[in-house]
Structures are given as C-alpha cells and as structure tokens.
Amino acid sequence: MSENITTFYRIPAPYSMGDTFIEVWGDGENAWYEWRAVQGGKILKESKEQGYGSPEIALRDALIAMSE
C-alpha cells in the first residue's frame, strides 16, 4: 500500500443527522480512490477495491449508496 493515502472528502451522509460520515480516500498520485461510510468509528458500507479514477465519482457513488 502506498504512503500517499489521503482523505479527500469527509461529509455528513444524507439523512444521517450528522452522526454518519462519507469519506473518500485514496492515493492522488496514482489516481485511485475508494469511499466508505463511517459511524462511530465503524465502517457501515464501503466501495471495496473499486479503484475509482476520480474522487468526485467515488463521492457520487457513495452519496447514491447512502441515499438508498
């Protein structure tokens, strides 16, 4: 795993009342990103090795997944 892992976005999940967050993380230098939904330190959902090429597309998919 690369040492360049960064969290690019951390926003409240839709309809969560502020207790669940969506995080988009990855390696910007190598252009791969993943998303996860976190509540109280626990991962509720995640993209699991999708390898998105854009953090914005990962964020879009996370928002869709958490709005279902």
C-alpha atoms as a PDB file:
ATOM      1  CA  MET A   1       0.000   0.000   0.000  1.00  0.00           C
ATOM      2  CA  SER A   2       1.208   3.459  -0.841  1.00  0.00           C
ATOM      3  CA  GLU A   3       2.324   6.000   1.725  1.00  0.00           C
ATOM      4  CA  ASN A   4       0.338   8.713  -0.088  1.00  0.00           C
ATOM      5  CA  ILE A   5      -3.087   7.767   1.284  1.00  0.00           C
ATOM      6  CA  THR A   6      -5.178  10.883   1.919  1.00  0.00           C
ATOM      7  CA  THR A   7      -8.789  11.582   2.828  1.00  0.00           C
ATOM      8  CA  PHE A   8     -10.107  13.849   0.084  1.00  0.00           C
ATOM      9  CA  TYR A   9     -13.678  14.332   1.314  1.00  0.00           C
ATOM     10  CA  ARG A  10     -15.437  13.836   4.631  1.00  0.00           C
ATOM     11  CA  ILE A  11     -19.060  14.936   4.625  1.00  0.00           C
ATOM     12  CA  PRO A  12     -22.210  14.028   6.573  1.00  0.00           C
ATOM     13  CA  ALA A  13     -24.132  11.210   4.908  1.00  0.00           C
ATOM     14  CA  PRO A  14     -27.598  12.053   3.573  1.00  0.00           C
ATOM     15  CA  TYR A  15     -30.367  11.721   6.174  1.00  0.00           C
ATOM     16  CA  SER A  16     -27.850  10.909   8.928  1.00  0.00           C
ATOM     17  CA  MET A  17     -28.489  13.804  11.307  1.00  0.00           C
ATOM     18  CA  GLY A  18     -24.714  14.336  11.403  1.00  0.00           C
ATOM     19  CA  ASP A  19     -23.706  11.058  13.034  1.00  0.00           C
ATOM     20  CA  THR A  20     -22.641   9.187   9.877  1.00  0.00           C
ATOM     21  CA  PHE A  21     -19.977  10.446   7.503  1.00  0.00           C
ATOM     22  CA  ILE A  22     -18.905   9.612   3.985  1.00  0.00           C
ATOM     23  CA  GLU A  23     -15.170   9.595   3.434  1.00  0.00           C
ATOM     24  CA  VAL A  24     -13.419   9.429   0.079  1.00  0.00           C
ATOM     25  CA  TRP A  25      -9.827   8.376   0.452  1.00  0.00           C
ATOM     26  CA  GLY A  26      -7.049   7.166  -1.766  1.00  0.00           C
ATOM     27  CA  ASP A  27      -3.765   7.884  -3.469  1.00  0.00           C
ATOM     28  CA  GLY A  28      -3.938  11.033  -5.568  1.00  0.00           C
ATOM     29  CA  GLU A  29      -0.518  10.487  -7.137  1.00  0.00           C
ATOM     30  CA  ASN A  30      -1.618   7.126  -8.515  1.00  0.00           C
ATOM     31  CA  ALA A  31      -5.220   8.201  -9.193  1.00  0.00           C
ATOM     32  CA  TRP A  32      -7.153   5.584  -7.235  1.00  0.00           C
ATOM     33  CA  TYR A  33      -9.854   6.337  -4.716  1.00  0.00           C
ATOM     34  CA  GLU A  34     -12.373   4.483  -2.565  1.00  0.00           C
ATOM     35  CA  TRP A  35     -15.274   5.527  -0.369  1.00  0.00           C
ATOM     36  CA  ARG A  36     -16.605   4.399   2.987  1.00  0.00           C
ATOM     37  CA  ALA A  37     -19.464   5.343   5.274  1.00  0.00           C
ATOM     38  CA  VAL A  38     -18.383   5.587   8.909  1.00  0.00           C
ATOM     39  CA  GLN A  39     -20.447   5.863  12.071  1.00  0.00           C
ATOM     40  CA  GLY A  40     -18.749   5.997  15.466  1.00  0.00           C
ATOM     41  CA  GLY A  41     -15.523   4.615  14.053  1.00  0.00           C
ATOM     42  CA  LYS A  42     -17.242   1.631  12.404  1.00  0.00           C
ATOM     43  CA  ILE A  43     -17.447   1.184   8.651  1.00  0.00           C
ATOM     44  CA  LEU A  44     -21.081   0.738   7.608  1.00  0.00           C
ATOM     45  CA  LYS A  45     -20.561   0.474   3.844  1.00  0.00           C
ATOM     46  CA  GLU A  46     -17.565   0.790   1.560  1.00  0.00           C
ATOM     47  CA  SER A  47     -16.596   0.528  -2.078  1.00  0.00           C
ATOM     48  CA  LYS A  48     -14.197  -2.424  -1.574  1.00  0.00           C
ATOM     49  CA  GLU A  49     -11.460  -2.110  -4.179  1.00  0.00           C
ATOM     50  CA  GLN A  50     -13.418  -0.360  -6.933  1.00  0.00           C
ATOM     51  CA  GLY A  51     -10.375   1.732  -7.752  1.00  0.00           C
ATOM     52  CA  TYR A  52     -12.181   4.869  -8.855  1.00  0.00           C
ATOM     53  CA  GLY A  53     -10.097   7.152 -11.056  1.00  0.00           C
ATOM     54  CA  SER A  54     -11.708  10.309  -9.654  1.00  0.00           C
ATOM     55  CA  PRO A  55     -12.515  11.256  -6.052  1.00  0.00           C
ATOM     56  CA  GLU A  56     -15.642  13.066  -7.237  1.00  0.00           C
ATOM     57  CA  ILE A  57     -17.040   9.931  -8.904  1.00  0.00           C
ATOM     58  CA  ALA A  58     -16.315   7.943  -5.738  1.00  0.00           C
ATOM     59  CA  LEU A  59     -18.161  10.624  -3.756  1.00  0.00           C
ATOM     60  CA  ARG A  60     -21.101  10.496  -6.167  1.00  0.00           C
ATOM     61  CA  ASP A  61     -21.408   6.721  -5.805  1.00  0.00           C
ATOM     62  CA  ALA A  62     -21.143   6.984  -2.014  1.00  0.00           C
ATOM     63  CA  LEU A  63     -23.933   9.555  -1.924  1.00  0.00           C
ATOM     64  CA  ILE A  64     -26.110   7.298  -4.063  1.00  0.00           C
ATOM     65  CA  ALA A  65     -25.377   4.248  -1.910  1.00  0.00           C
ATOM     66  CA  MET A  66     -26.140   6.096   1.296  1.00  0.00           C
ATOM     67  CA  SER A  67     -29.364   7.588  -0.097  1.00  0.00           C
ATOM     68  CA  GLU A  68     -30.929   4.197  -0.827  1.00  0.00           C
END
